[in-house]
Amino acid sequence: MLTQIISLGVRGSAVGGAAYFTVQKGVWSSSTYDGADALSNFRETVIPATNDYINQIPKSAEVRSALKSSWNSGIEWSAASIASFPGLVSNTAKKCANYIHGVIFPSADK
């Protein structure tokens, strides 16, 4: 209960702080000059900082190529696993048969 109250208080403070900040910067002003100043300030401070992150986002062609490669390797692995399954079952059956034969008919060497 206490954590919910603290969480609500933190969220409310964040919203209140954001509202106060935008009012102080003139975002909600009826004056077109204050709004234009706020927009130019936003462009000067926020947008250049986000350009670094936007440039790190991979291009759609790169994502498509990586997705195709991952998909194809998954299909190849699945097909190889299915192809090797009969041999795996045969080898395992032989090992089990040899083990059971050794348990039932122990060798005289021991």
PDB file of N, CA and C in Angstrom:
ATOM      1  N   MET A   1       0.829  -1.190   0.000  1.00  0.00           N
ATOM      2  CA  MET A   1       0.000   0.000   0.000  1.00  0.00           C
ATOM      3  C   MET A   1       0.871   1.250   0.000  1.00  0.00           C
ATOM      4  N   LEU A   2       1.920   1.231   0.819  1.00  0.00           N
ATOM      5  CA  LEU A   2       2.799   2.385   0.902  1.00  0.00           C
ATOM      6  C   LEU A   2       3.540   2.595  -0.414  1.00  0.00           C
ATOM      7  N   THR A   3       3.958   1.490  -1.056  1.00  0.00           N
ATOM      8  CA  THR A   3       4.662   1.632  -2.336  1.00  0.00           C
ATOM      9  C   THR A   3       3.742   2.195  -3.409  1.00  0.00           C
ATOM     10  N   GLN A   4       2.454   1.846  -3.360  1.00  0.00           N
ATOM     11  CA  GLN A   4       1.519   2.396  -4.333  1.00  0.00           C
ATOM     12  C   GLN A   4       1.347   3.896  -4.126  1.00  0.00           C
ATOM     13  N   ILE A   5       1.316   4.324  -2.865  1.00  0.00           N
ATOM     14  CA  ILE A   5       1.175   5.749  -2.572  1.00  0.00           C
ATOM     15  C   ILE A   5       2.419   6.493  -3.021  1.00  0.00           C
ATOM     16  N   ILE A   6       3.591   5.929  -2.760  1.00  0.00           N
ATOM     17  CA  ILE A   6       4.836   6.560  -3.187  1.00  0.00           C
ATOM     18  C   ILE A   6       4.904   6.614  -4.703  1.00  0.00           C
ATOM     19  N   SER A   7       4.529   5.528  -5.361  1.00  0.00           N
ATOM     20  CA  SER A   7       4.530   5.489  -6.822  1.00  0.00           C
ATOM     21  C   SER A   7       3.590   6.549  -7.393  1.00  0.00           C
ATOM     22  N   LEU A   8       2.409   6.673  -6.818  1.00  0.00           N
ATOM     23  CA  LEU A   8       1.466   7.691  -7.267  1.00  0.00           C
ATOM     24  C   LEU A   8       2.032   9.086  -7.045  1.00  0.00           C
ATOM     25  N   GLY A   9       2.705   9.298  -5.923  1.00  0.00           N
ATOM     26  CA  GLY A   9       3.308  10.591  -5.641  1.00  0.00           C
ATOM     27  C   GLY A   9       4.414  10.937  -6.627  1.00  0.00           C
ATOM     28  N   VAL A  10       5.236   9.947  -6.980  1.00  0.00           N
ATOM     29  CA  VAL A  10       6.318  10.182  -7.946  1.00  0.00           C
ATOM     30  C   VAL A  10       5.741  10.515  -9.317  1.00  0.00           C
ATOM     31  N   ARG A  11       4.731   9.760  -9.729  1.00  0.00           N
ATOM     32  CA  ARG A  11       4.106  10.033 -11.032  1.00  0.00           C
ATOM     33  C   ARG A  11       3.444  11.410 -11.050  1.00  0.00           C
ATOM     34  N   GLY A  12       2.740  11.719  -9.983  1.00  0.00           N
ATOM     35  CA  GLY A  12       2.093  13.026  -9.911  1.00  0.00           C
ATOM     36  C   GLY A  12       3.115  14.156  -9.930  1.00  0.00           C
ATOM     37  N   SER A  13       4.223  13.967  -9.242  1.00  0.00           N
ATOM     38  CA  SER A  13       5.274  14.984  -9.242  1.00  0.00           C
ATOM     39  C   SER A  13       5.881  15.154 -10.626  1.00  0.00           C
ATOM     40  N   ALA A  14       6.063  14.054 -11.339  1.00  0.00           N
ATOM     41  CA  ALA A  14       6.621  14.129 -12.690  1.00  0.00           C
ATOM     42  C   ALA A  14       5.675  14.886 -13.624  1.00  0.00           C
ATOM     43  N   VAL A  15       4.392  14.582 -13.534  1.00  0.00           N
ATOM     44  CA  VAL A  15       3.410  15.278 -14.373  1.00  0.00           C
ATOM     45  C   VAL A  15       3.332  16.748 -13.991  1.00  0.00           C
ATOM     46  N   GLY A  16       3.298  17.015 -12.690  1.00  0.00           N
ATOM     47  CA  GLY A  16       3.243  18.406 -12.240  1.00  0.00           C
ATOM     48  C   GLY A  16       4.478  19.180 -12.641  1.00  0.00           C
ATOM     49  N   GLY A  17       5.644  18.550 -12.537  1.00  0.00           N
ATOM     50  CA  GLY A  17       6.890  19.205 -12.947  1.00  0.00           C
ATOM     51  C   GLY A  17       6.915  19.491 -14.436  1.00  0.00           C
ATOM     52  N   ALA A  18       6.434  18.538 -15.220  1.00  0.00           N
ATOM     53  CA  ALA A  18       6.386  18.749 -16.669  1.00  0.00           C
ATOM     54  C   ALA A  18       5.429  19.880 -17.023  1.00  0.00           C
ATOM     55  N   ALA A  19       4.283  19.914 -16.365  1.00  0.00           N
ATOM     56  CA  ALA A  19       3.318  20.992 -16.616  1.00  0.00           C
ATOM     57  C   ALA A  19       3.907  22.343 -16.210  1.00  0.00           C
ATOM     58  N   TYR A  20       4.551  22.412 -15.066  1.00  0.00           N
ATOM     59  CA  TYR A  20       5.160  23.659 -14.601  1.00  0.00           C
ATOM     60  C   TYR A  20       6.239  24.116 -15.572  1.00  0.00           C
ATOM     61  N   PHE A  21       7.073  23.187 -16.017  1.00  0.00           N
ATOM     62  CA  PHE A  21       8.157  23.524 -16.935  1.00  0.00           C
ATOM     63  C   PHE A  21       7.613  24.067 -18.253  1.00  0.00           C
ATOM     64  N   THR A  22       6.574  23.423 -18.789  1.00  0.00           N
ATOM     65  CA  THR A  22       6.026  23.888 -20.066  1.00  0.00           C
ATOM     66  C   THR A  22       5.336  25.237 -19.918  1.00  0.00           C
ATOM     67  N   VAL A  23       4.708  25.485 -18.774  1.00  0.00           N
ATOM     68  CA  VAL A  23       4.097  26.803 -18.546  1.00  0.00           C
ATOM     69  C   VAL A  23       5.183  27.867 -18.466  1.00  0.00           C
ATOM     70  N   GLN A  24       6.289  27.579 -17.774  1.00  0.00           N
ATOM     71  CA  GLN A  24       7.377  28.539 -17.637  1.00  0.00           C
ATOM     72  C   GLN A  24       8.046  28.829 -18.982  1.00  0.00           C
ATOM     73  N   LYS A  25       8.092  27.853 -19.852  1.00  0.00           N
ATOM     74  CA  LYS A  25       8.717  28.036 -21.169  1.00  0.00           C
ATOM     75  C   LYS A  25       7.777  28.682 -22.177  1.00  0.00           C
ATOM     76  N   GLY A  26       6.526  28.860 -21.816  1.00  0.00           N
ATOM     77  CA  GLY A  26       5.595  29.563 -22.698  1.00  0.00           C
ATOM     78  C   GLY A  26       4.897  28.685 -23.711  1.00  0.00           C
ATOM     79  N   VAL A  27       4.892  27.393 -23.493  1.00  0.00           N
ATOM     80  CA  VAL A  27       4.246  26.488 -24.440  1.00  0.00           C
ATOM     81  C   VAL A  27       2.741  26.733 -24.479  1.00  0.00           C
ATOM     82  N   TRP A  28       2.117  27.030 -23.332  1.00  0.00           N
ATOM     83  CA  TRP A  28       0.676  27.188 -23.235  1.00  0.00           C
ATOM     84  C   TRP A  28       0.251  28.647 -23.341  1.00  0.00           C
ATOM     85  N   SER A  29       1.170  29.530 -23.697  1.00  0.00           N
ATOM     86  CA  SER A  29       0.866  30.950 -23.770  1.00  0.00           C
ATOM     87  C   SER A  29      -0.023  31.252 -24.980  1.00  0.00           C
ATOM     88  N   SER A  30      -0.861  32.285 -24.827  1.00  0.00           N
ATOM     89  CA  SER A  30      -1.714  32.684 -25.955  1.00  0.00           C
ATOM     90  C   SER A  30      -0.939  33.574 -26.927  1.00  0.00           C
ATOM     91  N   SER A  31       0.210  34.014 -26.532  1.00  0.00           N
ATOM     92  CA  SER A  31       1.039  34.844 -27.400  1.00  0.00           C
ATOM     93  C   SER A  31       1.752  33.962 -28.420  1.00  0.00           C
ATOM     94  N   THR A  32       1.667  34.352 -29.682  1.00  0.00           N
ATOM     95  CA  THR A  32       2.330  33.572 -30.727  1.00  0.00           C
ATOM     96  C   THR A  32       3.842  33.689 -30.625  1.00  0.00           C
ATOM     97  N   TYR A  33       4.340  34.803 -30.091  1.00  0.00           N
ATOM     98  CA  TYR A  33       5.783  34.977 -29.949  1.00  0.00           C
ATOM     99  C   TYR A  33       6.367  34.016 -28.911  1.00  0.00           C
ATOM    100  N   ASP A  34       5.651  33.861 -27.794  1.00  0.00           N
ATOM    101  CA  ASP A  34       6.127  32.938 -26.770  1.00  0.00           C
ATOM    102  C   ASP A  34       6.124  31.502 -27.299  1.00  0.00           C
ATOM    103  N   GLY A  35       5.101  31.155 -28.046  1.00  0.00           N
ATOM    104  CA  GLY A  35       5.034  29.819 -28.630  1.00  0.00           C
ATOM    105  C   GLY A  35       6.144  29.591 -29.642  1.00  0.00           C
ATOM    106  N   ALA A  36       6.422  30.612 -30.451  1.00  0.00           N
ATOM    107  CA  ALA A  36       7.505  30.506 -31.434  1.00  0.00           C
ATOM    108  C   ALA A  36       8.857  30.395 -30.741  1.00  0.00           C
ATOM    109  N   ASP A  37       9.032  31.149 -29.652  1.00  0.00           N
ATOM    110  CA  ASP A  37      10.277  31.061 -28.894  1.00  0.00           C
ATOM    111  C   ASP A  37      10.440  29.674 -28.270  1.00  0.00           C
ATOM    112  N   ALA A  38       9.343  29.146 -27.749  1.00  0.00           N
ATOM    113  CA  ALA A  38       9.395  27.816 -27.153  1.00  0.00           C
ATOM    114  C   ALA A  38       9.741  26.766 -28.211  1.00  0.00           C
ATOM    115  N   LEU A  39       9.174  26.894 -29.406  1.00  0.00           N
ATOM    116  CA  LEU A  39       9.463  25.952 -30.479  1.00  0.00           C
ATOM    117  C   LEU A  39      10.919  26.052 -30.923  1.00  0.00           C
ATOM    118  N   SER A  40      11.421  27.272 -31.073  1.00  0.00           N
ATOM    119  CA  SER A  40      12.823  27.420 -31.484  1.00  0.00           C
ATOM    120  C   SER A  40      13.758  26.896 -30.398  1.00  0.00           C
ATOM    121  N   ASN A  41      13.418  27.127 -29.132  1.00  0.00           N
ATOM    122  CA  ASN A  41      14.221  26.596 -28.033  1.00  0.00           C
ATOM    123  C   ASN A  41      14.216  25.072 -28.063  1.00  0.00           C
ATOM    124  N   PHE A  42      13.055  24.493 -28.322  1.00  0.00           N
ATOM    125  CA  PHE A  42      12.939  23.035 -28.430  1.00  0.00           C
ATOM    126  C   PHE A  42      13.805  22.508 -29.561  1.00  0.00           C
ATOM    127  N   ARG A  43      13.755  23.177 -30.694  1.00  0.00           N
ATOM    128  CA  ARG A  43      14.554  22.754 -31.849  1.00  0.00           C
ATOM    129  C   ARG A  43      16.047  22.841 -31.555  1.00  0.00           C
ATOM    130  N   GLU A  44      16.462  23.857 -30.821  1.00  0.00           N
ATOM    131  CA  GLU A  44      17.881  24.052 -30.544  1.00  0.00           C
ATOM    132  C   GLU A  44      18.416  23.070 -29.506  1.00  0.00           C
ATOM    133  N   THR A  45      17.594  22.698 -28.528  1.00  0.00           N
ATOM    134  CA  THR A  45      18.106  21.867 -27.431  1.00  0.00           C
ATOM    135  C   THR A  45      17.756  20.394 -27.567  1.00  0.00           C
ATOM    136  N   VAL A  46      16.545  20.079 -27.908  1.00  0.00           N
ATOM    137  CA  VAL A  46      16.104  18.681 -27.879  1.00  0.00           C
ATOM    138  C   VAL A  46      16.414  17.960 -29.174  1.00  0.00           C
ATOM    139  N   ILE A  47      16.123  18.554 -30.294  1.00  0.00           N
ATOM    140  CA  ILE A  47      16.260  17.855 -31.578  1.00  0.00           C
ATOM    141  C   ILE A  47      17.714  17.468 -31.874  1.00  0.00           C
ATOM    142  N   PRO A  48      18.717  18.334 -31.659  1.00  0.00           N
ATOM    143  CA  PRO A  48      20.090  17.873 -31.902  1.00  0.00           C
ATOM    144  C   PRO A  48      20.492  16.693 -31.021  1.00  0.00           C
ATOM    145  N   ALA A  49      20.003  16.648 -29.809  1.00  0.00           N
ATOM    146  CA  ALA A  49      20.336  15.531 -28.921  1.00  0.00           C
ATOM    147  C   ALA A  49      19.698  14.235 -29.406  1.00  0.00           C
ATOM    148  N   THR A  50      18.530  14.320 -30.010  1.00  0.00           N
ATOM    149  CA  THR A  50      17.873  13.104 -30.489  1.00  0.00           C
ATOM    150  C   THR A  50      18.437  12.627 -31.820  1.00  0.00           C
ATOM    151  N   ASN A  51      19.119  13.485 -32.569  1.00  0.00           N
ATOM    152  CA  ASN A  51      19.681  13.070 -33.854  1.00  0.00           C
ATOM    153  C   ASN A  51      20.688  11.940 -33.684  1.00  0.00           C
ATOM    154  N   ASP A  52      21.459  11.970 -32.589  1.00  0.00           N
ATOM    155  CA  ASP A  52      22.424  10.893 -32.352  1.00  0.00           C
ATOM    156  C   ASP A  52      21.708   9.560 -32.208  1.00  0.00           C
ATOM    157  N   TYR A  53      20.606   9.545 -31.491  1.00  0.00           N
ATOM    158  CA  TYR A  53      19.863   8.305 -31.286  1.00  0.00           C
ATOM    159  C   TYR A  53      19.133   7.880 -32.550  1.00  0.00           C
ATOM    160  N   ILE A  54      18.628   8.837 -33.297  1.00  0.00           N
ATOM    161  CA  ILE A  54      17.923   8.511 -34.535  1.00  0.00           C
ATOM    162  C   ILE A  54      18.886   7.910 -35.547  1.00  0.00           C
ATOM    163  N   ASN A  55      20.125   8.397 -35.573  1.00  0.00           N
ATOM    164  CA  ASN A  55      21.112   7.852 -36.506  1.00  0.00           C
ATOM    165  C   ASN A  55      21.545   6.441 -36.126  1.00  0.00           C
ATOM    166  N   GLN A  56      21.355   6.043 -34.874  1.00  0.00           N
ATOM    167  CA  GLN A  56      21.724   4.696 -34.439  1.00  0.00           C
ATOM    168  C   GLN A  56      20.660   3.657 -34.783  1.00  0.00           C
ATOM    169  N   ILE A  57      19.472   4.087 -35.157  1.00  0.00           N
ATOM    170  CA  ILE A  57      18.409   3.158 -35.527  1.00  0.00           C
ATOM    171  C   ILE A  57      18.773   2.525 -36.868  1.00  0.00           C
ATOM    172  N   PRO A  58      18.769   1.198 -36.954  1.00  0.00           N
ATOM    173  CA  PRO A  58      19.148   0.564 -38.210  1.00  0.00           C
ATOM    174  C   PRO A  58      18.120   0.846 -39.308  1.00  0.00           C
ATOM    175  N   LYS A  59      18.609   0.869 -40.526  1.00  0.00           N
ATOM    176  CA  LYS A  59      17.732   1.100 -41.678  1.00  0.00           C
ATOM    177  C   LYS A  59      16.857  -0.136 -41.892  1.00  0.00           C
ATOM    178  N   SER A  60      15.736   0.064 -42.546  1.00  0.00           N
ATOM    179  CA  SER A  60      14.796  -1.041 -42.737  1.00  0.00           C
ATOM    180  C   SER A  60      15.403  -2.149 -43.593  1.00  0.00           C
ATOM    181  N   ALA A  61      16.268  -1.797 -44.551  1.00  0.00           N
ATOM    182  CA  ALA A  61      16.905  -2.823 -45.376  1.00  0.00           C
ATOM    183  C   ALA A  61      17.828  -3.696 -44.530  1.00  0.00           C
ATOM    184  N   GLU A  62      18.524  -3.085 -43.564  1.00  0.00           N
ATOM    185  CA  GLU A  62      19.403  -3.855 -42.685  1.00  0.00           C
ATOM    186  C   GLU A  62      18.588  -4.799 -41.802  1.00  0.00           C
ATOM    187  N   VAL A  63      17.483  -4.304 -41.286  1.00  0.00           N
ATOM    188  CA  VAL A  63      16.632  -5.139 -40.433  1.00  0.00           C
ATOM    189  C   VAL A  63      16.053  -6.289 -41.246  1.00  0.00           C
ATOM    190  N   ARG A  64      15.603  -5.988 -42.456  1.00  0.00           N
ATOM    191  CA  ARG A  64      15.040  -7.020 -43.322  1.00  0.00           C
ATOM    192  C   ARG A  64      16.075  -8.094 -43.630  1.00  0.00           C
ATOM    193  N   SER A  65      17.306  -7.681 -43.930  1.00  0.00           N
ATOM    194  CA  SER A  65      18.370  -8.632 -44.235  1.00  0.00           C
ATOM    195  C   SER A  65      18.693  -9.504 -43.021  1.00  0.00           C
ATOM    196  N   ALA A  66      18.785  -8.886 -41.851  1.00  0.00           N
ATOM    197  CA  ALA A  66      19.078  -9.643 -40.626  1.00  0.00           C
ATOM    198  C   ALA A  66      17.939 -10.610 -40.313  1.00  0.00           C
ATOM    199  N   LEU A  67      16.717 -10.179 -40.537  1.00  0.00           N
ATOM    200  CA  LEU A  67      15.565 -11.042 -40.279  1.00  0.00           C
ATOM    201  C   LEU A  67      15.556 -12.241 -41.225  1.00  0.00           C
ATOM    202  N   LYS A  68      15.852 -11.999 -42.493  1.00  0.00           N
ATOM    203  CA  LYS A  68      15.909 -13.103 -43.462  1.00  0.00           C
ATOM    204  C   LYS A  68      16.997 -14.092 -43.079  1.00  0.00           C
ATOM    205  N   SER A  69      18.160 -13.567 -42.688  1.00  0.00           N
ATOM    206  CA  SER A  69      19.272 -14.430 -42.311  1.00  0.00           C
ATOM    207  C   SER A  69      18.920 -15.277 -41.091  1.00  0.00           C
ATOM    208  N   SER A  70      18.302 -14.650 -40.091  1.00  0.00           N
ATOM    209  CA  SER A  70      17.912 -15.390 -38.887  1.00  0.00           C
ATOM    210  C   SER A  70      16.862 -16.453 -39.223  1.00  0.00           C
ATOM    211  N   TRP A  71      15.910 -16.083 -40.042  1.00  0.00           N
ATOM    212  CA  TRP A  71      14.859 -17.022 -40.422  1.00  0.00           C
ATOM    213  C   TRP A  71      15.462 -18.201 -41.169  1.00  0.00           C
ATOM    214  N   ASN A  72      16.344 -17.912 -42.135  1.00  0.00           N
ATOM    215  CA  ASN A  72      16.931 -18.990 -42.928  1.00  0.00           C
ATOM    216  C   ASN A  72      17.795 -19.910 -42.070  1.00  0.00           C
ATOM    217  N   SER A  73      18.555 -19.351 -41.141  1.00  0.00           N
ATOM    218  CA  SER A  73      19.384 -20.212 -40.286  1.00  0.00           C
ATOM    219  C   SER A  73      18.504 -21.078 -39.387  1.00  0.00           C
ATOM    220  N   GLY A  74      17.375 -20.564 -38.939  1.00  0.00           N
ATOM    221  CA  GLY A  74      16.448 -21.360 -38.149  1.00  0.00           C
ATOM    222  C   GLY A  74      15.855 -22.499 -38.954  1.00  0.00           C
ATOM    223  N   ILE A  75      15.513 -22.230 -40.193  1.00  0.00           N
ATOM    224  CA  ILE A  75      14.965 -23.270 -41.071  1.00  0.00           C
ATOM    225  C   ILE A  75      16.029 -24.330 -41.349  1.00  0.00           C
ATOM    226  N   GLU A  76      17.259 -23.886 -41.616  1.00  0.00           N
ATOM    227  CA  GLU A  76      18.340 -24.843 -41.871  1.00  0.00           C
ATOM    228  C   GLU A  76      18.582 -25.731 -40.655  1.00  0.00           C
ATOM    229  N   TRP A  77      18.581 -25.149 -39.449  1.00  0.00           N
ATOM    230  CA  TRP A  77      18.788 -25.926 -38.226  1.00  0.00           C
ATOM    231  C   TRP A  77      17.667 -26.938 -38.047  1.00  0.00           C
ATOM    232  N   SER A  78      16.429 -26.507 -38.284  1.00  0.00           N
ATOM    233  CA  SER A  78      15.284 -27.413 -38.139  1.00  0.00           C
ATOM    234  C   SER A  78      15.374 -28.569 -39.120  1.00  0.00           C
ATOM    235  N   ALA A  79      15.716 -28.270 -40.372  1.00  0.00           N
ATOM    236  CA  ALA A  79      15.813 -29.314 -41.391  1.00  0.00           C
ATOM    237  C   ALA A  79      16.952 -30.273 -41.060  1.00  0.00           C
ATOM    238  N   ALA A  80      18.074 -29.765 -40.581  1.00  0.00           N
ATOM    239  CA  ALA A  80      19.203 -30.625 -40.222  1.00  0.00           C
ATOM    240  C   ALA A  80      18.843 -31.509 -39.030  1.00  0.00           C
ATOM    241  N   SER A  81      18.108 -30.953 -38.075  1.00  0.00           N
ATOM    242  CA  SER A  81      17.694 -31.745 -36.912  1.00  0.00           C
ATOM    243  C   SER A  81      16.750 -32.858 -37.323  1.00  0.00           C
ATOM    244  N   ILE A  82      15.816 -32.557 -38.193  1.00  0.00           N
ATOM    245  CA  ILE A  82      14.874 -33.580 -38.673  1.00  0.00           C
ATOM    246  C   ILE A  82      15.617 -34.651 -39.468  1.00  0.00           C
ATOM    247  N   ALA A  83      16.593 -34.227 -40.277  1.00  0.00           N
ATOM    248  CA  ALA A  83      17.339 -35.184 -41.094  1.00  0.00           C
ATOM    249  C   ALA A  83      18.208 -36.095 -40.237  1.00  0.00           C
ATOM    250  N   SER A  84      18.748 -35.583 -39.138  1.00  0.00           N
ATOM    251  CA  SER A  84      19.634 -36.401 -38.298  1.00  0.00           C
ATOM    252  C   SER A  84      18.875 -37.225 -37.264  1.00  0.00           C
ATOM    253  N   PHE A  85      17.575 -37.024 -37.138  1.00  0.00           N
ATOM    254  CA  PHE A  85      16.794 -37.709 -36.123  1.00  0.00           C
ATOM    255  C   PHE A  85      16.803 -39.228 -36.274  1.00  0.00           C
ATOM    256  N   PRO A  86      16.607 -39.790 -37.470  1.00  0.00           N
ATOM    257  CA  PRO A  86      16.623 -41.258 -37.572  1.00  0.00           C
ATOM    258  C   PRO A  86      17.958 -41.866 -37.135  1.00  0.00           C
ATOM    259  N   GLY A  87      19.061 -41.269 -37.518  1.00  0.00           N
ATOM    260  CA  GLY A  87      20.371 -41.772 -37.114  1.00  0.00           C
ATOM    261  C   GLY A  87      20.572 -41.659 -35.613  1.00  0.00           C
ATOM    262  N   LEU A  88      20.111 -40.593 -35.019  1.00  0.00           N
ATOM    263  CA  LEU A  88      20.216 -40.394 -33.575  1.00  0.00           C
ATOM    264  C   LEU A  88      19.412 -41.449 -32.828  1.00  0.00           C
ATOM    265  N   VAL A  89      18.206 -41.711 -33.307  1.00  0.00           N
ATOM    266  CA  VAL A  89      17.362 -42.725 -32.670  1.00  0.00           C
ATOM    267  C   VAL A  89      18.003 -44.106 -32.819  1.00  0.00           C
ATOM    268  N   SER A  90      18.542 -44.399 -33.993  1.00  0.00           N
ATOM    269  CA  SER A  90      19.182 -45.699 -34.234  1.00  0.00           C
ATOM    270  C   SER A  90      20.392 -45.888 -33.321  1.00  0.00           C
ATOM    271  N   ASN A  91      21.244 -44.888 -33.222  1.00  0.00           N
ATOM    272  CA  ASN A  91      22.424 -44.988 -32.353  1.00  0.00           C
ATOM    273  C   ASN A  91      22.036 -45.131 -30.892  1.00  0.00           C
ATOM    274  N   THR A  92      21.045 -44.372 -30.468  1.00  0.00           N
ATOM    275  CA  THR A  92      20.590 -44.457 -29.082  1.00  0.00           C
ATOM    276  C   THR A  92      19.997 -45.833 -28.790  1.00  0.00           C
ATOM    277  N   ALA A  93      19.235 -46.364 -29.724  1.00  0.00           N
ATOM    278  CA  ALA A  93      18.651 -47.704 -29.544  1.00  0.00           C
ATOM    279  C   ALA A  93      19.743 -48.754 -29.448  1.00  0.00           C
ATOM    280  N   LYS A  94      20.791 -48.643 -30.275  1.00  0.00           N
ATOM    281  CA  LYS A  94      21.899 -49.596 -30.221  1.00  0.00           C
ATOM    282  C   LYS A  94      22.627 -49.521 -28.887  1.00  0.00           C
ATOM    283  N   LYS A  95      22.876 -48.288 -28.398  1.00  0.00           N
ATOM    284  CA  LYS A  95      23.548 -48.120 -27.104  1.00  0.00           C
ATOM    285  C   LYS A  95      22.707 -48.710 -25.981  1.00  0.00           C
ATOM    286  N   CYS A  96      21.404 -48.483 -26.026  1.00  0.00           N
ATOM    287  CA  CYS A  96      20.512 -49.041 -24.997  1.00  0.00           C
ATOM    288  C   CYS A  96      20.513 -50.571 -25.054  1.00  0.00           C
ATOM    289  N   ALA A  97      20.459 -51.117 -26.253  1.00  0.00           N
ATOM    290  CA  ALA A  97      20.452 -52.579 -26.408  1.00  0.00           C
ATOM    291  C   ALA A  97      21.760 -53.158 -25.890  1.00  0.00           C
ATOM    292  N   ASN A  98      22.890 -52.526 -26.206  1.00  0.00           N
ATOM    293  CA  ASN A  98      24.186 -53.012 -25.725  1.00  0.00           C
ATOM    294  C   ASN A  98      24.268 -52.928 -24.206  1.00  0.00           C
ATOM    295  N   TYR A  99      23.745 -51.873 -23.621  1.00  0.00           N
ATOM    296  CA  TYR A  99      23.768 -51.708 -22.166  1.00  0.00           C
ATOM    297  C   TYR A  99      22.914 -52.788 -21.499  1.00  0.00           C
ATOM    298  N   ILE A 100      21.734 -52.981 -22.019  1.00  0.00           N
ATOM    299  CA  ILE A 100      20.832 -53.996 -21.450  1.00  0.00           C
ATOM    300  C   ILE A 100      21.439 -55.390 -21.614  1.00  0.00           C
ATOM    301  N   HIS A 101      22.046 -55.641 -22.768  1.00  0.00           N
ATOM    302  CA  HIS A 101      22.700 -56.935 -22.993  1.00  0.00           C
ATOM    303  C   HIS A 101      23.841 -57.119 -21.999  1.00  0.00           C
ATOM    304  N   GLY A 102      24.594 -56.060 -21.727  1.00  0.00           N
ATOM    305  CA  GLY A 102      25.692 -56.130 -20.761  1.00  0.00           C
ATOM    306  C   GLY A 102      25.195 -56.356 -19.344  1.00  0.00           C
ATOM    307  N   VAL A 103      24.025 -55.833 -19.010  1.00  0.00           N
ATOM    308  CA  VAL A 103      23.466 -56.022 -17.672  1.00  0.00           C
ATOM    309  C   VAL A 103      22.947 -57.452 -17.519  1.00  0.00           C
ATOM    310  N   ILE A 104      22.290 -57.937 -18.560  1.00  0.00           N
ATOM    311  CA  ILE A 104      21.701 -59.283 -18.492  1.00  0.00           C
ATOM    312  C   ILE A 104      22.781 -60.359 -18.594  1.00  0.00           C
ATOM    313  N   PHE A 105      23.715 -60.169 -19.524  1.00  0.00           N
ATOM    314  CA  PHE A 105      24.778 -61.155 -19.748  1.00  0.00           C
ATOM    315  C   PHE A 105      26.124 -60.484 -19.451  1.00  0.00           C
ATOM    316  N   PRO A 106      26.490 -60.363 -18.200  1.00  0.00           N
ATOM    317  CA  PRO A 106      27.763 -59.713 -17.881  1.00  0.00           C
ATOM    318  C   PRO A 106      28.939 -60.521 -18.439  1.00  0.00           C
ATOM    319  N   SER A 107      29.953 -59.801 -18.841  1.00  0.00           N
ATOM    320  CA  SER A 107      31.117 -60.479 -19.430  1.00  0.00           C
ATOM    321  C   SER A 107      31.946 -61.129 -18.334  1.00  0.00           C
ATOM    322  N   ALA A 108      32.735 -62.113 -18.708  1.00  0.00           N
ATOM    323  CA  ALA A 108      33.552 -62.847 -17.757  1.00  0.00           C
ATOM    324  C   ALA A 108      34.806 -62.070 -17.370  1.00  0.00           C
ATOM    325  N   ASP A 109      35.078 -60.945 -18.053  1.00  0.00           N
ATOM    326  CA  ASP A 109      36.287 -60.158 -17.790  1.00  0.00           C
ATOM    327  C   ASP A 109      36.242 -59.487 -16.422  1.00  0.00           C
ATOM    328  N   LYS A 110      35.084 -59.225 -15.920  1.00  0.00           N
ATOM    329  CA  LYS A 110      34.958 -58.477 -14.660  1.00  0.00           C
ATOM    330  C   LYS A 110      35.223 -59.311 -13.524  1.00  0.00           C
TER     331      LYS A 110
END
